[in-house]
Amino acid sequence: SNKTCVCWSCFAAMSFWEVPGVQAGVVTGDAAWGLLKHAKEKVFAIPAFNCTSTSTVNAVLEAGRELNRPIMIQFSEGGSAFFAGKSLPNEKGVLQASILGAVVGAHYVRNVAPAYGIPCFVHSDHCAKKLLPWFDGMLEADEGFFAAHGEPLFSSHMLDLSEEPDEENIEICAKYFKRMVPLKLILEMEIGITGGVEDGVDNSGVSKEKLYSTPEDVYKVHEGLAPIGEMFTIAAAFGNVHGVYKAGNVKLQPELLGNFQKFAAGKIGTEKPLFFVFHGGSGSGKEDIATALSNGVVKMNVDTDTQWAYWEGLLNFYKAKEGYLQGQIGNPDGPEKPNKSYYDPRKWVRESEVSMVKRVKESCADLSNVNQ
């Protein structure tokens, strides 16, 4: 029940609701892009959480509802296949289970998100060149959904061709972007490489200079995509690494994003013209995040930290109830006592969710995605 209140404090707290077209449930097109513009203006970013199940999706939505803030749910190629079921065939060059899982995941989010009362983006994560059949399958689903409902199934998709030469990367992005623009889909692309390992992609041996983009590299993306449409974001490399590392081990330089903005502004004539995405954000220092936000980061990916939180919920439950989880019958209260109420999956899966909800809220706070 979003009753209209005219007091100033409520208006300020609810300002993202004033973005035209924004409503509870999945946001796409102008409304989704309007939310990203609003984030840039207000210097916050919307965290995007990798989900692999209805349970992890629900945890993200629950946290969003508790904060009354917009949220992003994203599916990786491997996470999508898991969503549909690990036993399904998923052949190289076909990736049928990954397509199915992503589409089913998007439909699931579309069905439940309105009940949580907050705006939600549905996004697909890293798509390397060898995974393009997955991208094609999702785009077909978007086109079919658009024909029926006047909007795409997903809010946005990511192409990650950063392993290819920059020219080819931008060329392939432009080709797909031309197909996405009529559907009002947002494209996220990556220039420069995110180090570390994620979802089976190993960039841990990448040369150091590839971990830092240059202002020229980044501006070339704008030159290649801006004539086609405005709804694109750039995951520029500023020392980002997937996974979690000891503090100080990751040499992030978010001030580079400011240099990219200045260089582009000099060419385009508008201040901070670019929309950036922060990859490999797990374990980042709060000051690095603040610098990134001030330089136009509107989305940050979170996976490693929420994976740990989900596991930790189960771990702590097991430690607390260990004596009740050794067999179906018999526990510290007596040899005949049943344990069903402890090993029922709803019990321990819920403990994982509660722990993940807490971590999702922490990421929102880190990114200033909170009501003042």
Foldseek 3Di string as FASTA:
>chain_A
DPDDDDDPQVCQLCVLVVQPPFWFAEDAFSNVLSSLVVCLVVLFAAEEEEAQEVLQVVLLLLLCLVQVFEHEYEYELLSQLSHQPPPDDQDFVQGVSSLVSLLVVLVSRRVCRNVSTHYYFYEYDEDEPSRVNSVVSQLVQQVVCCVVPVAGSGREYEYEHQVDPLVVQLVVVLVVVLSCVVRSHAYEYEHADAAADDPHDHRPPPDPVSQADALVSVVVSCVSHVVRHLRYAYAYGQQAYADADPPPPGPGDLVRLVVSQVSNCVVPVDGLSHAYEAENCPHDDLVSLSSNSNSHYHYYYDYNVLVVQLVVLLVVLCVVQVQLPPDQACGPVGRGHGSCVSPVVVNSNVSSSVSSSVVSNVVCVSRVRGRD
